[in-house]
Amino acid sequence: MSAIAKDRMGHSFTLLLGNRGGKVEFWPADKARPDSVLLSIILGLTLFGAVMVFSASGMYAEKFEGTRYYFLLRQLVFIALGLVGMYSRSI
């Protein structure tokens, strides 16, 4: 048995009632919005990591690869691939 309910902020939820030992489960009734706080934390830590990669490997890359930005650019490519993968899994 299920019913549509609304919380105090007006969000719609499907209320699933059944033989689950008295538990009530809540599921978002409509497509969920992205969690902006979590997304901000992920992006911030990712960019911080890219800066750390550049800071740690800039001189090495300049000496052996010819440009200080070799490992930073590689890291940015993998960040972009990861963001595309994250977005594709969310839709």
N, C-alpha and C. Protein backbone atom coordinates (compact mmCIF):
# COMPACT_ATOMS: atom_id res chain seq x y z
N MET A 1 0.85 -1.16 0.00
CA MET A 1 0.00 0.00 0.00
C MET A 1 0.90 1.23 0.00
N SER A 2 0.57 2.23 -0.82
CA SER A 2 1.37 3.45 -0.85
C SER A 2 0.45 4.66 -0.91
N ALA A 3 0.98 5.79 -0.49
CA ALA A 3 0.24 7.03 -0.53
C ALA A 3 1.22 8.17 -0.77
N ILE A 4 0.75 9.25 -1.36
CA ILE A 4 1.58 10.43 -1.58
C ILE A 4 1.44 11.33 -0.36
N ALA A 5 2.56 11.78 0.17
CA ALA A 5 2.56 12.65 1.33
C ALA A 5 3.45 13.85 1.04
N LYS A 6 3.29 14.90 1.84
CA LYS A 6 4.14 16.08 1.72
C LYS A 6 4.75 16.38 3.08
N ASP A 7 6.03 16.80 3.05
CA ASP A 7 6.66 17.17 4.31
C ASP A 7 6.39 18.65 4.60
N ARG A 8 7.00 19.17 5.65
CA ARG A 8 6.76 20.54 6.06
C ARG A 8 7.19 21.57 5.02
N MET A 9 8.17 21.20 4.18
CA MET A 9 8.68 22.14 3.18
C MET A 9 7.97 21.97 1.83
N GLY A 10 6.99 21.09 1.75
CA GLY A 10 6.23 20.94 0.54
C GLY A 10 6.76 19.92 -0.45
N HIS A 11 7.78 19.15 -0.06
CA HIS A 11 8.31 18.11 -0.93
C HIS A 11 7.38 16.91 -0.94
N SER A 12 7.15 16.37 -2.12
CA SER A 12 6.27 15.21 -2.24
C SER A 12 7.06 13.93 -2.04
N PHE A 13 6.50 13.00 -1.32
CA PHE A 13 7.12 11.71 -1.08
C PHE A 13 6.08 10.61 -1.27
N THR A 14 6.53 9.48 -1.73
CA THR A 14 5.67 8.31 -1.77
C THR A 14 5.85 7.57 -0.46
N LEU A 15 4.79 7.41 0.25
CA LEU A 15 4.83 6.75 1.54
C LEU A 15 4.47 5.29 1.32
N LEU A 16 5.43 4.41 1.57
CA LEU A 16 5.21 2.98 1.38
C LEU A 16 4.88 2.36 2.73
N LEU A 17 3.71 1.80 2.82
CA LEU A 17 3.30 1.13 4.04
C LEU A 17 3.13 -0.34 3.74
N GLY A 18 3.63 -1.16 4.58
CA GLY A 18 3.48 -2.58 4.33
C GLY A 18 3.87 -3.38 5.54
N ASN A 19 4.05 -4.65 5.34
CA ASN A 19 4.41 -5.55 6.42
C ASN A 19 5.92 -5.54 6.57
N ARG A 20 6.46 -4.48 7.10
CA ARG A 20 7.91 -4.33 7.27
C ARG A 20 8.26 -4.10 8.74
N GLY A 21 7.55 -4.72 9.60
CA GLY A 21 7.85 -4.61 11.01
C GLY A 21 7.58 -3.23 11.58
N GLY A 22 6.59 -2.52 11.04
CA GLY A 22 6.26 -1.21 11.55
C GLY A 22 7.09 -0.09 10.97
N LYS A 23 7.99 -0.38 10.02
CA LYS A 23 8.81 0.67 9.42
C LYS A 23 8.02 1.42 8.36
N VAL A 24 8.30 2.70 8.27
CA VAL A 24 7.73 3.53 7.22
C VAL A 24 8.89 4.00 6.36
N GLU A 25 8.80 3.81 5.04
CA GLU A 25 9.88 4.20 4.14
C GLU A 25 9.43 5.38 3.29
N PHE A 26 10.34 6.29 3.05
CA PHE A 26 10.06 7.46 2.24
C PHE A 26 10.91 7.41 0.99
N TRP A 27 10.31 7.66 -0.16
CA TRP A 27 11.01 7.74 -1.44
C TRP A 27 10.60 9.04 -2.11
N PRO A 28 11.49 9.75 -2.76
CA PRO A 28 11.08 10.96 -3.49
C PRO A 28 10.10 10.60 -4.59
N ALA A 29 8.96 11.31 -4.65
CA ALA A 29 7.94 11.01 -5.64
C ALA A 29 8.33 11.54 -7.02
N ASP A 30 9.00 12.67 -7.08
CA ASP A 30 9.43 13.21 -8.36
C ASP A 30 10.95 13.08 -8.47
N LYS A 31 11.48 13.44 -9.62
CA LYS A 31 12.93 13.31 -9.83
C LYS A 31 13.66 14.22 -8.86
N ALA A 32 14.61 13.68 -8.16
CA ALA A 32 15.33 14.42 -7.14
C ALA A 32 16.25 15.46 -7.76
N ARG A 33 16.38 16.58 -7.08
CA ARG A 33 17.33 17.61 -7.51
C ARG A 33 18.71 17.22 -7.04
N PRO A 34 19.76 17.71 -7.71
CA PRO A 34 21.11 17.39 -7.25
C PRO A 34 21.38 18.03 -5.89
N ASP A 35 22.15 17.35 -5.10
CA ASP A 35 22.52 17.85 -3.78
C ASP A 35 23.65 18.85 -3.97
N SER A 36 23.34 20.14 -3.89
CA SER A 36 24.31 21.18 -4.21
C SER A 36 25.46 21.23 -3.20
N VAL A 37 25.20 20.92 -1.95
CA VAL A 37 26.28 20.94 -0.95
C VAL A 37 27.28 19.83 -1.24
N LEU A 38 26.78 18.63 -1.50
CA LEU A 38 27.66 17.51 -1.80
C LEU A 38 28.43 17.76 -3.09
N LEU A 39 27.76 18.29 -4.11
CA LEU A 39 28.42 18.59 -5.37
C LEU A 39 29.51 19.64 -5.18
N SER A 40 29.25 20.65 -4.37
CA SER A 40 30.25 21.69 -4.09
C SER A 40 31.46 21.10 -3.38
N ILE A 41 31.23 20.23 -2.42
CA ILE A 41 32.35 19.59 -1.70
C ILE A 41 33.18 18.74 -2.65
N ILE A 42 32.51 17.96 -3.50
CA ILE A 42 33.22 17.11 -4.46
C ILE A 42 34.07 17.95 -5.41
N LEU A 43 33.47 19.00 -5.97
CA LEU A 43 34.21 19.85 -6.90
C LEU A 43 35.36 20.58 -6.22
N GLY A 44 35.13 21.05 -5.01
CA GLY A 44 36.19 21.73 -4.26
C GLY A 44 37.36 20.83 -3.97
N LEU A 45 37.09 19.61 -3.50
CA LEU A 45 38.16 18.66 -3.22
C LEU A 45 38.88 18.22 -4.49
N THR A 46 38.13 18.10 -5.58
CA THR A 46 38.74 17.72 -6.85
C THR A 46 39.69 18.80 -7.35
N LEU A 47 39.25 20.05 -7.29
CA LEU A 47 40.13 21.14 -7.72
C LEU A 47 41.32 21.31 -6.78
N PHE A 48 41.10 21.11 -5.50
CA PHE A 48 42.21 21.16 -4.54
C PHE A 48 43.23 20.07 -4.86
N GLY A 49 42.75 18.89 -5.21
CA GLY A 49 43.65 17.80 -5.59
C GLY A 49 44.42 18.12 -6.85
N ALA A 50 43.78 18.78 -7.82
CA ALA A 50 44.48 19.17 -9.05
C ALA A 50 45.59 20.18 -8.75
N VAL A 51 45.31 21.11 -7.85
CA VAL A 51 46.35 22.08 -7.45
C VAL A 51 47.50 21.37 -6.75
N MET A 52 47.20 20.39 -5.92
CA MET A 52 48.25 19.64 -5.24
C MET A 52 49.09 18.82 -6.23
N VAL A 53 48.45 18.24 -7.23
CA VAL A 53 49.19 17.51 -8.26
C VAL A 53 50.14 18.46 -8.98
N PHE A 54 49.64 19.64 -9.34
CA PHE A 54 50.49 20.62 -10.03
C PHE A 54 51.63 21.08 -9.13
N SER A 55 51.33 21.32 -7.87
CA SER A 55 52.35 21.78 -6.94
C SER A 55 53.44 20.74 -6.73
N ALA A 56 53.05 19.48 -6.67
CA ALA A 56 54.02 18.42 -6.39
C ALA A 56 54.80 17.99 -7.63
N SER A 57 54.24 18.16 -8.82
CA SER A 57 54.90 17.59 -10.00
C SER A 57 55.30 18.60 -11.05
N GLY A 58 55.13 19.88 -10.79
CA GLY A 58 55.43 20.90 -11.79
C GLY A 58 56.88 20.92 -12.22
N MET A 59 57.80 20.87 -11.29
CA MET A 59 59.23 20.94 -11.62
C MET A 59 59.69 19.66 -12.31
N TYR A 60 59.18 18.52 -11.85
CA TYR A 60 59.53 17.24 -12.47
C TYR A 60 59.05 17.22 -13.92
N ALA A 61 57.83 17.67 -14.12
CA ALA A 61 57.27 17.67 -15.48
C ALA A 61 58.03 18.61 -16.39
N GLU A 62 58.46 19.74 -15.87
CA GLU A 62 59.23 20.68 -16.69
C GLU A 62 60.57 20.08 -17.10
N LYS A 63 61.17 19.35 -16.20
CA LYS A 63 62.48 18.76 -16.49
C LYS A 63 62.38 17.60 -17.47
N PHE A 64 61.38 16.72 -17.31
CA PHE A 64 61.32 15.50 -18.11
C PHE A 64 60.29 15.52 -19.24
N GLU A 65 59.28 16.38 -19.14
CA GLU A 65 58.23 16.42 -20.15
C GLU A 65 58.24 17.70 -20.98
N GLY A 66 59.00 18.69 -20.56
CA GLY A 66 59.13 19.92 -21.33
C GLY A 66 58.17 21.03 -20.95
N THR A 67 57.16 20.75 -20.20
CA THR A 67 56.22 21.77 -19.74
C THR A 67 55.80 21.48 -18.31
N ARG A 68 55.64 22.54 -17.53
CA ARG A 68 55.25 22.36 -16.13
C ARG A 68 53.82 21.85 -15.99
N TYR A 69 53.03 22.02 -17.01
CA TYR A 69 51.59 21.74 -16.92
C TYR A 69 51.21 20.34 -17.41
N TYR A 70 52.17 19.49 -17.70
CA TYR A 70 51.89 18.16 -18.25
C TYR A 70 50.96 17.35 -17.34
N PHE A 71 51.35 17.18 -16.08
CA PHE A 71 50.55 16.37 -15.16
C PHE A 71 49.25 17.07 -14.76
N LEU A 72 49.27 18.41 -14.69
CA LEU A 72 48.04 19.15 -14.40
C LEU A 72 47.03 18.96 -15.52
N LEU A 73 47.47 19.05 -16.76
CA LEU A 73 46.56 18.86 -17.88
C LEU A 73 46.02 17.43 -17.91
N ARG A 74 46.88 16.48 -17.62
CA ARG A 74 46.42 15.08 -17.54
C ARG A 74 45.36 14.92 -16.45
N GLN A 75 45.62 15.52 -15.31
CA GLN A 75 44.67 15.44 -14.20
C GLN A 75 43.34 16.10 -14.57
N LEU A 76 43.39 17.24 -15.27
CA LEU A 76 42.17 17.92 -15.67
C LEU A 76 41.37 17.10 -16.68
N VAL A 77 42.06 16.37 -17.56
CA VAL A 77 41.36 15.50 -18.50
C VAL A 77 40.62 14.40 -17.74
N PHE A 78 41.27 13.80 -16.76
CA PHE A 78 40.60 12.75 -15.99
C PHE A 78 39.49 13.30 -15.10
N ILE A 79 39.65 14.53 -14.62
CA ILE A 79 38.57 15.17 -13.87
C ILE A 79 37.36 15.37 -14.77
N ALA A 80 37.59 15.84 -15.99
CA ALA A 80 36.49 16.05 -16.93
C ALA A 80 35.80 14.73 -17.26
N LEU A 81 36.57 13.67 -17.48
CA LEU A 81 35.98 12.36 -17.74
C LEU A 81 35.17 11.87 -16.54
N GLY A 82 35.68 12.10 -15.35
CA GLY A 82 34.95 11.71 -14.15
C GLY A 82 33.66 12.49 -13.98
N LEU A 83 33.67 13.79 -14.28
CA LEU A 83 32.45 14.59 -14.17
C LEU A 83 31.41 14.16 -15.21
N VAL A 84 31.87 13.84 -16.42
CA VAL A 84 30.94 13.35 -17.44
C VAL A 84 30.34 12.01 -16.99
N GLY A 85 31.18 11.13 -16.44
CA GLY A 85 30.68 9.85 -15.94
C GLY A 85 29.71 10.04 -14.78
N MET A 86 30.01 10.96 -13.90
CA MET A 86 29.13 11.23 -12.76
C MET A 86 27.78 11.76 -13.25
N TYR A 87 27.82 12.67 -14.22
CA TYR A 87 26.57 13.21 -14.76
C TYR A 87 25.77 12.14 -15.49
N SER A 88 26.46 11.30 -16.27
CA SER A 88 25.75 10.28 -17.02
C SER A 88 25.09 9.25 -16.11
N ARG A 89 25.68 8.98 -14.95
CA ARG A 89 25.06 8.05 -14.00
C ARG A 89 23.89 8.69 -13.26
N SER A 90 23.83 10.02 -13.23
CA SER A 90 22.77 10.68 -12.48
C SER A 90 21.48 10.83 -13.27
N ILE A 91 21.55 10.69 -14.60
CA ILE A 91 20.31 10.85 -15.39
C ILE A 91 19.69 9.52 -15.70
